[in-house]
Amino acid sequence: MIIRFSVGDTLEMKKEHPCGARQFLVKRIGSDIRIVCRGCGRDVTVPRIKLEKGIKRVIPGEQTEN
């Protein structure tokens, strides 16, 4: 199953980040996903397959129109 999310969405993960936060902001999408921890601000790049296994839910971000 493919989980749909886009740049600006917040991902709630099954496991906590070492800082204790479970939410990450999506910054870039591709074969690797760039996310930023909502707790400490750490920037992490994770392979899509590994990231999708750890997602608990997707919280939609603000959608902007050009």
N, C-alpha and C. Protein backbone atom coordinates (compact mmCIF):
# COMPACT_ATOMS: atom_id res chain seq x y z
N MET A 1 0.84 -1.18 0.00
CA MET A 1 0.00 0.00 0.00
C MET A 1 0.89 1.25 0.00
N ILE A 2 0.61 2.18 -0.88
CA ILE A 2 1.35 3.42 -0.97
C ILE A 2 0.64 4.47 -0.13
N ILE A 3 1.39 5.11 0.76
CA ILE A 3 0.84 6.17 1.60
C ILE A 3 1.04 7.49 0.87
N ARG A 4 -0.03 8.25 0.70
CA ARG A 4 0.03 9.53 -0.01
C ARG A 4 0.29 10.67 0.97
N PHE A 5 1.33 11.44 0.69
CA PHE A 5 1.62 12.65 1.45
C PHE A 5 2.37 13.59 0.53
N SER A 6 2.40 14.87 0.89
CA SER A 6 3.06 15.86 0.05
C SER A 6 3.89 16.81 0.91
N VAL A 7 4.63 17.69 0.25
CA VAL A 7 5.46 18.66 0.95
C VAL A 7 4.54 19.55 1.80
N GLY A 8 4.92 19.76 3.05
CA GLY A 8 4.13 20.58 3.96
C GLY A 8 3.26 19.77 4.90
N ASP A 9 3.07 18.48 4.62
CA ASP A 9 2.30 17.61 5.51
C ASP A 9 3.15 17.24 6.72
N THR A 10 2.47 16.87 7.81
CA THR A 10 3.15 16.39 9.00
C THR A 10 2.91 14.90 9.13
N LEU A 11 3.98 14.15 9.36
CA LEU A 11 3.88 12.71 9.52
C LEU A 11 4.02 12.36 10.99
N GLU A 12 3.07 11.58 11.50
CA GLU A 12 3.19 11.08 12.87
C GLU A 12 3.73 9.66 12.75
N MET A 13 4.85 9.41 13.42
CA MET A 13 5.53 8.14 13.29
C MET A 13 5.15 7.18 14.42
N LYS A 14 5.39 5.88 14.19
CA LYS A 14 5.12 4.86 15.19
C LYS A 14 6.12 4.95 16.34
N LYS A 15 7.37 5.22 16.00
CA LYS A 15 8.43 5.32 17.02
C LYS A 15 8.83 6.77 17.23
N GLU A 16 9.29 7.07 18.44
CA GLU A 16 9.72 8.42 18.77
C GLU A 16 11.13 8.70 18.25
N HIS A 17 11.37 9.96 17.94
CA HIS A 17 12.71 10.45 17.64
C HIS A 17 13.46 10.50 18.98
N PRO A 18 14.77 10.44 19.02
CA PRO A 18 15.49 10.49 20.30
C PRO A 18 15.13 11.69 21.19
N CYS A 19 14.63 12.78 20.60
CA CYS A 19 14.25 13.95 21.40
C CYS A 19 12.88 13.76 22.05
N GLY A 20 12.14 12.73 21.65
CA GLY A 20 10.84 12.45 22.24
C GLY A 20 9.65 12.81 21.35
N ALA A 21 9.89 13.51 20.25
CA ALA A 21 8.80 13.91 19.35
C ALA A 21 8.47 12.77 18.38
N ARG A 22 7.21 12.73 17.94
CA ARG A 22 6.77 11.74 16.96
C ARG A 22 6.37 12.38 15.62
N GLN A 23 6.34 13.70 15.56
CA GLN A 23 5.88 14.38 14.36
C GLN A 23 7.03 14.98 13.57
N PHE A 24 6.95 14.82 12.25
CA PHE A 24 7.97 15.31 11.34
C PHE A 24 7.30 16.06 10.18
N LEU A 25 7.90 17.16 9.76
CA LEU A 25 7.42 17.96 8.64
C LEU A 25 8.11 17.49 7.36
N VAL A 26 7.34 17.26 6.29
CA VAL A 26 7.90 16.82 5.01
C VAL A 26 8.42 18.04 4.26
N LYS A 27 9.71 18.02 3.90
CA LYS A 27 10.35 19.13 3.20
C LYS A 27 10.60 18.83 1.72
N ARG A 28 10.89 17.57 1.38
CA ARG A 28 11.18 17.21 -0.01
C ARG A 28 10.73 15.78 -0.24
N ILE A 29 10.21 15.53 -1.45
CA ILE A 29 9.74 14.19 -1.81
C ILE A 29 10.47 13.72 -3.06
N GLY A 30 10.82 12.45 -3.07
CA GLY A 30 11.49 11.81 -4.19
C GLY A 30 11.68 10.36 -3.81
N SER A 31 12.74 9.72 -4.30
CA SER A 31 13.03 8.35 -3.87
C SER A 31 13.47 8.36 -2.41
N ASP A 32 14.08 9.48 -1.99
CA ASP A 32 14.40 9.73 -0.59
C ASP A 32 13.52 10.89 -0.12
N ILE A 33 13.05 10.82 1.10
CA ILE A 33 12.18 11.85 1.66
C ILE A 33 12.97 12.65 2.69
N ARG A 34 12.91 13.97 2.60
CA ARG A 34 13.58 14.84 3.58
C ARG A 34 12.53 15.32 4.57
N ILE A 35 12.76 15.03 5.85
CA ILE A 35 11.83 15.41 6.90
C ILE A 35 12.57 16.18 7.99
N VAL A 36 11.82 17.01 8.71
CA VAL A 36 12.39 17.79 9.81
C VAL A 36 11.59 17.48 11.06
N CYS A 37 12.29 17.15 12.15
CA CYS A 37 11.65 16.84 13.42
C CYS A 37 10.95 18.08 13.96
N ARG A 38 9.71 17.92 14.40
CA ARG A 38 8.95 19.04 14.96
C ARG A 38 9.40 19.36 16.38
N GLY A 39 10.13 18.45 17.01
CA GLY A 39 10.59 18.69 18.38
C GLY A 39 11.90 19.44 18.44
N CYS A 40 12.93 18.90 17.79
CA CYS A 40 14.27 19.49 17.91
C CYS A 40 14.76 20.18 16.64
N GLY A 41 14.07 19.99 15.51
CA GLY A 41 14.46 20.65 14.27
C GLY A 41 15.51 19.91 13.46
N ARG A 42 15.84 18.69 13.86
CA ARG A 42 16.84 17.89 13.14
C ARG A 42 16.33 17.57 11.73
N ASP A 43 17.17 17.73 10.74
CA ASP A 43 16.85 17.48 9.34
C ASP A 43 17.35 16.07 8.99
N VAL A 44 16.44 15.20 8.50
CA VAL A 44 16.78 13.81 8.22
C VAL A 44 16.33 13.45 6.80
N THR A 45 17.16 12.73 6.06
CA THR A 45 16.78 12.20 4.76
C THR A 45 16.68 10.68 4.89
N VAL A 46 15.50 10.14 4.53
CA VAL A 46 15.20 8.72 4.73
C VAL A 46 14.70 8.12 3.42
N PRO A 47 15.12 6.89 3.07
CA PRO A 47 14.55 6.24 1.88
C PRO A 47 13.04 6.08 2.03
N ARG A 48 12.30 6.28 0.94
CA ARG A 48 10.84 6.23 0.96
C ARG A 48 10.31 4.93 1.55
N ILE A 49 10.86 3.81 1.18
CA ILE A 49 10.38 2.50 1.64
C ILE A 49 10.49 2.39 3.16
N LYS A 50 11.61 2.80 3.71
CA LYS A 50 11.82 2.73 5.17
C LYS A 50 10.87 3.70 5.89
N LEU A 51 10.68 4.89 5.34
CA LEU A 51 9.81 5.89 5.96
C LEU A 51 8.36 5.42 5.98
N GLU A 52 7.87 4.88 4.86
CA GLU A 52 6.47 4.46 4.77
C GLU A 52 6.13 3.37 5.78
N LYS A 53 7.08 2.53 6.13
CA LYS A 53 6.83 1.48 7.12
C LYS A 53 6.62 2.05 8.52
N GLY A 54 7.19 3.22 8.80
CA GLY A 54 7.13 3.80 10.13
C GLY A 54 6.03 4.82 10.36
N ILE A 55 5.24 5.14 9.30
CA ILE A 55 4.21 6.18 9.43
C ILE A 55 2.98 5.63 10.13
N LYS A 56 2.52 6.36 11.13
CA LYS A 56 1.28 6.02 11.84
C LYS A 56 0.10 6.72 11.18
N ARG A 57 0.24 8.03 10.92
CA ARG A 57 -0.81 8.78 10.22
C ARG A 57 -0.21 10.03 9.58
N VAL A 58 -0.95 10.58 8.61
CA VAL A 58 -0.53 11.78 7.89
C VAL A 58 -1.47 12.91 8.29
N ILE A 59 -0.91 14.02 8.72
CA ILE A 59 -1.68 15.21 9.07
C ILE A 59 -1.48 16.20 7.94
N PRO A 60 -2.54 16.47 7.14
CA PRO A 60 -2.38 17.37 5.99
C PRO A 60 -1.93 18.77 6.39
N GLY A 61 -1.07 19.35 5.56
CA GLY A 61 -0.58 20.71 5.79
C GLY A 61 -1.44 21.69 5.03
N GLU A 62 -1.07 22.94 5.08
CA GLU A 62 -1.80 23.97 4.35
C GLU A 62 -1.53 23.83 2.87
N GLN A 63 -2.59 23.77 2.09
CA GLN A 63 -2.45 23.68 0.63
C GLN A 63 -2.45 25.09 0.04
N THR A 64 -1.41 25.43 -0.70
CA THR A 64 -1.33 26.75 -1.31
C THR A 64 -1.51 26.63 -2.80
N GLU A 65 -2.18 27.60 -3.38
CA GLU A 65 -2.38 27.63 -4.84
C GLU A 65 -1.52 28.72 -5.42
N ASN A 66 -0.95 28.45 -6.62
CA ASN A 66 -0.09 29.44 -7.29
C ASN A 66 -0.89 30.33 -8.17
